Every structure is written in structure tokens, then in C-alpha cells.
N, C-alpha and C. Protein backbone atom coordinates (compact mmCIF):
# COMPACT_ATOMS: atom_id res chain seq x y z
N UNK A 1 30.57 211.57 -81.73
CA UNK A 1 30.79 210.14 -81.59
C UNK A 1 32.13 209.77 -82.22
N UNK A 2 32.65 208.65 -81.81
CA UNK A 2 33.98 208.22 -82.25
C UNK A 2 33.89 207.22 -83.40
N UNK A 3 34.90 207.24 -84.26
CA UNK A 3 34.96 206.29 -85.36
C UNK A 3 35.31 204.91 -84.83
N UNK A 4 35.14 203.90 -85.66
CA UNK A 4 35.47 202.53 -85.28
C UNK A 4 36.96 202.44 -84.95
N UNK A 5 37.80 203.09 -85.73
CA UNK A 5 39.24 203.07 -85.47
C UNK A 5 39.59 203.67 -84.12
N UNK A 6 38.97 204.78 -83.79
CA UNK A 6 39.19 205.42 -82.48
C UNK A 6 38.75 204.48 -81.37
N UNK A 7 37.61 203.84 -81.53
CA UNK A 7 37.12 202.92 -80.50
C UNK A 7 38.09 201.75 -80.31
N UNK A 8 38.66 201.25 -81.39
CA UNK A 8 39.62 200.15 -81.27
C UNK A 8 40.87 200.63 -80.53
N UNK A 9 41.38 201.81 -80.86
CA UNK A 9 42.53 202.36 -80.14
C UNK A 9 42.22 202.50 -78.66
N UNK A 10 41.03 202.99 -78.35
CA UNK A 10 40.60 203.19 -76.96
C UNK A 10 40.50 201.85 -76.23
N UNK A 11 39.94 200.85 -76.87
CA UNK A 11 39.84 199.53 -76.24
C UNK A 11 41.22 198.95 -75.95
N UNK A 12 42.13 199.10 -76.88
CA UNK A 12 43.50 198.61 -76.66
C UNK A 12 44.14 199.31 -75.47
N UNK A 13 43.94 200.61 -75.37
CA UNK A 13 44.49 201.36 -74.23
C UNK A 13 43.90 200.91 -72.91
N UNK A 14 42.59 200.72 -72.89
CA UNK A 14 41.90 200.30 -71.67
C UNK A 14 42.34 198.91 -71.24
N UNK A 15 42.37 197.98 -72.17
CA UNK A 15 42.76 196.60 -71.85
C UNK A 15 44.22 196.56 -71.38
N UNK A 16 45.07 197.33 -72.03
CA UNK A 16 46.48 197.36 -71.65
C UNK A 16 46.66 197.91 -70.24
N UNK A 17 45.97 199.00 -69.92
CA UNK A 17 46.11 199.59 -68.59
C UNK A 17 45.55 198.68 -67.51
N UNK A 18 44.36 198.16 -67.74
CA UNK A 18 43.69 197.38 -66.71
C UNK A 18 44.26 195.97 -66.56
N UNK A 19 44.49 195.29 -67.67
CA UNK A 19 44.92 193.89 -67.59
C UNK A 19 46.45 193.77 -67.66
N UNK A 20 47.06 194.23 -68.73
CA UNK A 20 48.51 194.06 -68.90
C UNK A 20 49.27 194.72 -67.76
N UNK A 21 48.88 195.95 -67.41
CA UNK A 21 49.60 196.69 -66.38
C UNK A 21 49.17 196.27 -64.98
N UNK A 22 47.90 196.41 -64.68
CA UNK A 22 47.45 196.19 -63.31
C UNK A 22 47.55 194.73 -62.88
N UNK A 23 47.06 193.82 -63.70
CA UNK A 23 47.13 192.40 -63.36
C UNK A 23 48.46 191.78 -63.79
N UNK A 24 49.02 192.25 -64.88
CA UNK A 24 50.22 191.63 -65.44
C UNK A 24 51.53 192.23 -64.96
N UNK A 25 51.46 193.35 -64.25
CA UNK A 25 52.66 193.93 -63.67
C UNK A 25 53.51 194.77 -64.61
N UNK A 26 53.03 195.04 -65.80
CA UNK A 26 53.78 195.91 -66.71
C UNK A 26 53.60 197.37 -66.29
N UNK A 27 54.56 198.23 -66.62
CA UNK A 27 54.39 199.65 -66.31
C UNK A 27 53.14 200.21 -67.00
N UNK A 28 52.49 201.15 -66.33
CA UNK A 28 51.30 201.79 -66.89
C UNK A 28 51.76 202.96 -67.75
N UNK A 29 51.80 202.74 -69.05
CA UNK A 29 52.25 203.78 -69.98
C UNK A 29 51.11 204.32 -70.83
N UNK A 30 49.88 204.13 -70.34
CA UNK A 30 48.72 204.57 -71.13
C UNK A 30 48.70 206.08 -71.29
N UNK A 31 48.43 206.52 -72.49
CA UNK A 31 48.22 207.93 -72.81
C UNK A 31 46.81 208.04 -73.39
N UNK A 32 45.83 208.07 -72.51
CA UNK A 32 44.42 207.96 -72.89
C UNK A 32 44.02 208.99 -73.94
N UNK A 33 44.45 210.23 -73.78
CA UNK A 33 44.07 211.28 -74.73
C UNK A 33 44.49 210.94 -76.16
N UNK A 34 45.61 210.24 -76.32
CA UNK A 34 46.10 209.89 -77.65
C UNK A 34 45.23 208.83 -78.33
N UNK A 35 44.45 208.11 -77.53
CA UNK A 35 43.56 207.08 -78.10
C UNK A 35 42.46 207.71 -78.95
N UNK A 36 42.19 208.98 -78.73
CA UNK A 36 41.10 209.66 -79.41
C UNK A 36 41.58 210.55 -80.56
N UNK A 37 42.83 210.35 -80.96
CA UNK A 37 43.41 211.06 -82.10
C UNK A 37 43.39 210.09 -83.28
N UNK A 38 42.87 210.57 -84.41
CA UNK A 38 42.79 209.73 -85.60
C UNK A 38 44.18 209.25 -86.00
N UNK A 39 44.27 207.96 -86.26
CA UNK A 39 45.53 207.32 -86.62
C UNK A 39 45.61 207.14 -88.13
N UNK A 40 46.82 207.05 -88.63
CA UNK A 40 47.03 206.77 -90.05
C UNK A 40 47.15 205.27 -90.32
N UNK A 41 46.95 204.47 -89.26
CA UNK A 41 47.06 203.02 -89.43
C UNK A 41 45.85 202.47 -90.18
N UNK A 42 46.07 201.40 -90.91
CA UNK A 42 44.99 200.77 -91.67
C UNK A 42 44.08 200.00 -90.73
N UNK A 43 42.90 199.66 -91.23
CA UNK A 43 41.97 198.86 -90.42
C UNK A 43 42.59 197.51 -90.07
N UNK A 44 43.37 196.94 -90.98
CA UNK A 44 44.03 195.66 -90.70
C UNK A 44 45.03 195.80 -89.56
N UNK A 45 45.78 196.89 -89.55
CA UNK A 45 46.75 197.13 -88.47
C UNK A 45 46.04 197.32 -87.13
N UNK A 46 44.95 198.06 -87.14
CA UNK A 46 44.19 198.28 -85.90
C UNK A 46 43.60 196.97 -85.38
N UNK A 47 43.04 196.17 -86.28
CA UNK A 47 42.48 194.88 -85.86
C UNK A 47 43.56 193.94 -85.33
N UNK A 48 44.72 193.97 -85.93
CA UNK A 48 45.83 193.14 -85.45
C UNK A 48 46.27 193.59 -84.06
N UNK A 49 46.32 194.90 -83.83
CA UNK A 49 46.65 195.41 -82.49
C UNK A 49 45.61 194.94 -81.47
N UNK A 50 44.34 194.99 -81.85
CA UNK A 50 43.29 194.54 -80.94
C UNK A 50 43.43 193.05 -80.64
N UNK A 51 43.66 192.25 -81.68
CA UNK A 51 43.84 190.80 -81.48
C UNK A 51 45.02 190.51 -80.54
N UNK A 52 46.13 191.17 -80.79
CA UNK A 52 47.32 190.97 -79.97
C UNK A 52 47.08 191.41 -78.53
N UNK A 53 46.42 192.54 -78.36
CA UNK A 53 46.13 193.07 -77.03
C UNK A 53 45.23 192.11 -76.26
N UNK A 54 44.20 191.59 -76.91
CA UNK A 54 43.29 190.65 -76.26
C UNK A 54 44.00 189.34 -75.95
N UNK A 55 44.80 188.84 -76.88
CA UNK A 55 45.53 187.58 -76.65
C UNK A 55 46.45 187.70 -75.44
N UNK A 56 47.15 188.81 -75.35
CA UNK A 56 48.05 189.03 -74.21
C UNK A 56 47.25 189.14 -72.91
N UNK A 57 46.09 189.81 -72.96
CA UNK A 57 45.24 189.93 -71.78
C UNK A 57 44.76 188.55 -71.32
N UNK A 58 44.40 187.69 -72.26
CA UNK A 58 43.96 186.34 -71.90
C UNK A 58 45.10 185.56 -71.24
N UNK A 59 46.31 185.72 -71.73
CA UNK A 59 47.46 185.06 -71.12
C UNK A 59 47.67 185.55 -69.69
N UNK A 60 47.57 186.86 -69.48
CA UNK A 60 47.73 187.42 -68.14
C UNK A 60 46.66 186.86 -67.21
N UNK A 61 45.41 186.87 -67.66
CA UNK A 61 44.30 186.38 -66.82
C UNK A 61 44.48 184.90 -66.52
N UNK A 62 44.82 184.11 -67.52
CA UNK A 62 44.98 182.66 -67.31
C UNK A 62 46.12 182.33 -66.36
N UNK A 63 47.11 183.20 -66.25
CA UNK A 63 48.26 182.96 -65.37
C UNK A 63 48.19 183.73 -64.07
N UNK A 64 47.06 184.40 -63.82
CA UNK A 64 46.92 185.24 -62.63
C UNK A 64 46.61 184.38 -61.40
N UNK A 65 47.45 184.45 -60.36
CA UNK A 65 47.17 183.69 -59.14
C UNK A 65 45.88 184.16 -58.47
N UNK A 66 45.22 183.26 -57.77
CA UNK A 66 43.95 183.58 -57.12
C UNK A 66 44.08 184.77 -56.19
N UNK A 67 45.18 184.86 -55.45
CA UNK A 67 45.34 185.98 -54.50
C UNK A 67 45.34 187.32 -55.22
N UNK A 68 45.84 187.35 -56.47
CA UNK A 68 45.83 188.59 -57.24
C UNK A 68 44.43 188.94 -57.74
N UNK A 69 43.61 187.93 -57.94
CA UNK A 69 42.22 188.18 -58.35
C UNK A 69 41.41 188.78 -57.21
N UNK A 70 41.83 188.52 -55.98
CA UNK A 70 41.11 189.01 -54.81
C UNK A 70 41.70 190.31 -54.26
N UNK A 71 42.95 190.60 -54.59
CA UNK A 71 43.62 191.79 -54.06
C UNK A 71 43.09 193.06 -54.73
N UNK A 72 42.85 194.08 -53.89
CA UNK A 72 42.41 195.39 -54.39
C UNK A 72 43.63 196.25 -54.71
N UNK A 73 43.49 197.06 -55.77
CA UNK A 73 44.54 197.98 -56.17
C UNK A 73 43.90 199.16 -56.88
N UNK A 74 44.68 200.23 -57.04
CA UNK A 74 44.21 201.45 -57.69
C UNK A 74 44.47 201.35 -59.20
N UNK A 75 43.41 201.48 -59.98
CA UNK A 75 43.53 201.45 -61.44
C UNK A 75 42.75 202.65 -61.99
N UNK A 76 43.42 203.54 -62.64
CA UNK A 76 42.80 204.72 -63.26
C UNK A 76 41.97 205.49 -62.23
N UNK A 77 42.42 205.50 -60.98
CA UNK A 77 41.72 206.22 -59.93
C UNK A 77 40.63 205.44 -59.23
N UNK A 78 40.40 204.19 -59.62
CA UNK A 78 39.37 203.35 -59.01
C UNK A 78 40.02 202.25 -58.18
N UNK A 79 39.43 201.92 -57.04
CA UNK A 79 39.87 200.79 -56.23
C UNK A 79 39.12 199.55 -56.69
N UNK A 80 39.85 198.61 -57.28
CA UNK A 80 39.22 197.41 -57.83
C UNK A 80 40.01 196.17 -57.44
N UNK A 81 39.29 195.08 -57.23
CA UNK A 81 39.95 193.79 -57.07
C UNK A 81 40.36 193.29 -58.45
N UNK A 82 41.18 192.25 -58.48
CA UNK A 82 41.53 191.66 -59.76
C UNK A 82 40.29 191.21 -60.52
N UNK A 83 39.33 190.61 -59.82
CA UNK A 83 38.08 190.21 -60.47
C UNK A 83 37.31 191.43 -60.97
N UNK A 84 37.31 192.49 -60.18
CA UNK A 84 36.65 193.73 -60.60
C UNK A 84 37.27 194.31 -61.85
N UNK A 85 38.58 194.18 -61.97
CA UNK A 85 39.29 194.65 -63.16
C UNK A 85 38.82 193.86 -64.38
N UNK A 86 38.76 192.55 -64.25
CA UNK A 86 38.33 191.71 -65.37
C UNK A 86 36.89 192.04 -65.76
N UNK A 87 36.02 192.18 -64.76
CA UNK A 87 34.61 192.51 -65.03
C UNK A 87 34.53 193.86 -65.74
N UNK A 88 35.29 194.84 -65.27
CA UNK A 88 35.28 196.15 -65.92
C UNK A 88 35.69 196.04 -67.39
N UNK A 89 36.77 195.32 -67.66
CA UNK A 89 37.26 195.22 -69.03
C UNK A 89 36.25 194.51 -69.92
N UNK A 90 35.63 193.45 -69.41
CA UNK A 90 34.61 192.74 -70.21
C UNK A 90 33.44 193.66 -70.50
N UNK A 91 32.98 194.39 -69.49
CA UNK A 91 31.85 195.31 -69.67
C UNK A 91 32.21 196.42 -70.65
N UNK A 92 33.39 196.99 -70.49
CA UNK A 92 33.84 198.09 -71.34
C UNK A 92 33.99 197.63 -72.78
N UNK A 93 34.58 196.45 -72.97
CA UNK A 93 34.73 195.88 -74.30
C UNK A 93 33.37 195.61 -74.93
N UNK A 94 32.44 195.07 -74.15
CA UNK A 94 31.09 194.78 -74.67
C UNK A 94 30.37 196.06 -75.09
N UNK A 95 30.49 197.09 -74.27
CA UNK A 95 29.84 198.36 -74.56
C UNK A 95 30.31 198.92 -75.90
N UNK A 96 31.63 199.01 -76.06
CA UNK A 96 32.15 199.59 -77.30
C UNK A 96 32.00 198.65 -78.49
N UNK A 97 32.00 197.35 -78.26
CA UNK A 97 31.72 196.41 -79.35
C UNK A 97 30.30 196.63 -79.86
N UNK A 98 29.37 196.90 -78.97
CA UNK A 98 28.00 197.22 -79.38
C UNK A 98 27.96 198.48 -80.23
N UNK A 99 28.74 199.48 -79.84
CA UNK A 99 28.80 200.70 -80.65
C UNK A 99 29.36 200.40 -82.05
N UNK A 100 30.42 199.60 -82.10
CA UNK A 100 31.02 199.24 -83.38
C UNK A 100 30.03 198.47 -84.24
N UNK A 101 29.31 197.53 -83.64
CA UNK A 101 28.31 196.76 -84.39
C UNK A 101 27.21 197.67 -84.91
N UNK A 102 26.76 198.61 -84.08
CA UNK A 102 25.72 199.55 -84.49
C UNK A 102 26.18 200.37 -85.69
N UNK A 103 27.40 200.94 -85.60
CA UNK A 103 27.93 201.75 -86.70
C UNK A 103 28.06 200.92 -87.97
N UNK A 104 28.60 199.72 -87.83
CA UNK A 104 28.82 198.86 -88.99
C UNK A 104 27.49 198.49 -89.64
N UNK A 105 26.52 198.14 -88.82
CA UNK A 105 25.20 197.77 -89.33
C UNK A 105 24.56 198.93 -90.09
N UNK A 106 24.68 200.13 -89.53
CA UNK A 106 24.09 201.30 -90.19
C UNK A 106 24.85 201.71 -91.44
N UNK A 107 26.16 201.66 -91.40
CA UNK A 107 26.95 202.05 -92.57
C UNK A 107 26.76 201.08 -93.73
N UNK A 108 26.64 199.80 -93.43
CA UNK A 108 26.48 198.80 -94.48
C UNK A 108 25.01 198.54 -94.81
N UNK A 109 24.12 199.07 -93.96
CA UNK A 109 22.68 198.91 -94.14
C UNK A 109 22.30 197.43 -94.30
N UNK A 110 22.84 196.61 -93.42
CA UNK A 110 22.52 195.18 -93.46
C UNK A 110 22.68 194.57 -92.08
N UNK A 111 22.00 193.47 -91.88
CA UNK A 111 22.11 192.71 -90.65
C UNK A 111 23.50 192.08 -90.60
N UNK A 112 24.12 192.02 -89.44
CA UNK A 112 25.47 191.48 -89.33
C UNK A 112 25.49 189.96 -89.17
N UNK A 113 24.32 189.36 -89.01
CA UNK A 113 24.22 187.90 -89.01
C UNK A 113 24.81 187.22 -87.79
N UNK A 114 24.84 187.89 -86.65
CA UNK A 114 25.40 187.27 -85.45
C UNK A 114 24.66 185.98 -85.08
N UNK A 115 23.37 185.95 -85.30
CA UNK A 115 22.56 184.79 -84.90
C UNK A 115 21.95 184.09 -86.10
N UNK A 116 22.55 184.27 -87.25
CA UNK A 116 22.04 183.67 -88.48
C UNK A 116 21.95 182.15 -88.33
N UNK A 117 20.79 181.63 -88.70
CA UNK A 117 20.57 180.19 -88.66
C UNK A 117 20.25 179.63 -87.29
N UNK A 118 20.10 180.50 -86.30
CA UNK A 118 19.79 180.03 -84.95
C UNK A 118 18.34 180.32 -84.62
N UNK A 119 17.70 179.39 -83.94
CA UNK A 119 16.33 179.59 -83.46
C UNK A 119 16.42 180.19 -82.06
N UNK A 120 16.26 181.49 -81.97
CA UNK A 120 16.38 182.17 -80.69
C UNK A 120 15.12 182.05 -79.84
N UNK A 121 14.12 181.34 -80.35
CA UNK A 121 12.90 181.10 -79.58
C UNK A 121 12.95 179.76 -78.83
N UNK A 122 14.07 179.06 -78.92
CA UNK A 122 14.19 177.77 -78.24
C UNK A 122 14.11 177.96 -76.73
N UNK A 123 13.50 177.01 -76.06
CA UNK A 123 13.36 177.03 -74.60
C UNK A 123 14.52 176.28 -73.95
N UNK A 124 14.84 176.66 -72.74
CA UNK A 124 15.87 175.96 -71.97
C UNK A 124 15.40 174.57 -71.60
N UNK A 125 16.34 173.68 -71.37
CA UNK A 125 16.01 172.31 -70.94
C UNK A 125 15.48 172.32 -69.52
């Protein structure tokens, strides 16, 4: 299994390739294998890279014309529409975020409090 730092590097690579490059038109310079090499960067540096990567992805998505959301293109060997790219990135980010939460919860031996103070038994209107 991968460390939290490795997962963050991997998420940054995935988001950059799929959103920044494919939707945003930047060159695809992803080196996926390097994402799985332990880095000497601090947790603060890794988190800042993730924040910056996500912020830039949000800017690309918010400025993406509708025709680009519908157009199919090849990304990492897959034929995806712009919407498919966004769905993939959200799913991929959610999957690895779950892994990070699981590791953190187990390492700290405590609840992470995502729903603290909320009544999750409430019924819909």
C-alpha cells in the first residue's frame, strides 16, 4: 500500500494530466512512475501542491466551454468526453481520499469528526 504522501503525489499527477492538460490545453508532462517514489518534501509542501493543483483544476473547469465538455479525446489511453474526464477525476480523488482518511483514522486511532455534531438520522423534506 502507498503512504499518504505518495497518494498526494499521485493525485496531483492524475489531476494535472486529466484536467490541466486534457481540458486546459497544457502539455502532458506526467511521469506517473515518479509519483510512486518517496519524496523528501514535507507534508506541508505536499498539501500546498495538492491545494494549488486543485485550485488550478477548478479554474480550468469553470472556464471550459460547453463544446469541450462534450468533445471526446484520448487521455491516458482512454476515450473520454470532457464531462467523463471530470467524473473520472472526482471519482479518483474520492477513492484515494477515502484511503487517506482510513490510514489517518487508523494511525491516530480516533474518529476524524467529518460529521461531528450532525444528526445523520434526519429525514428528507
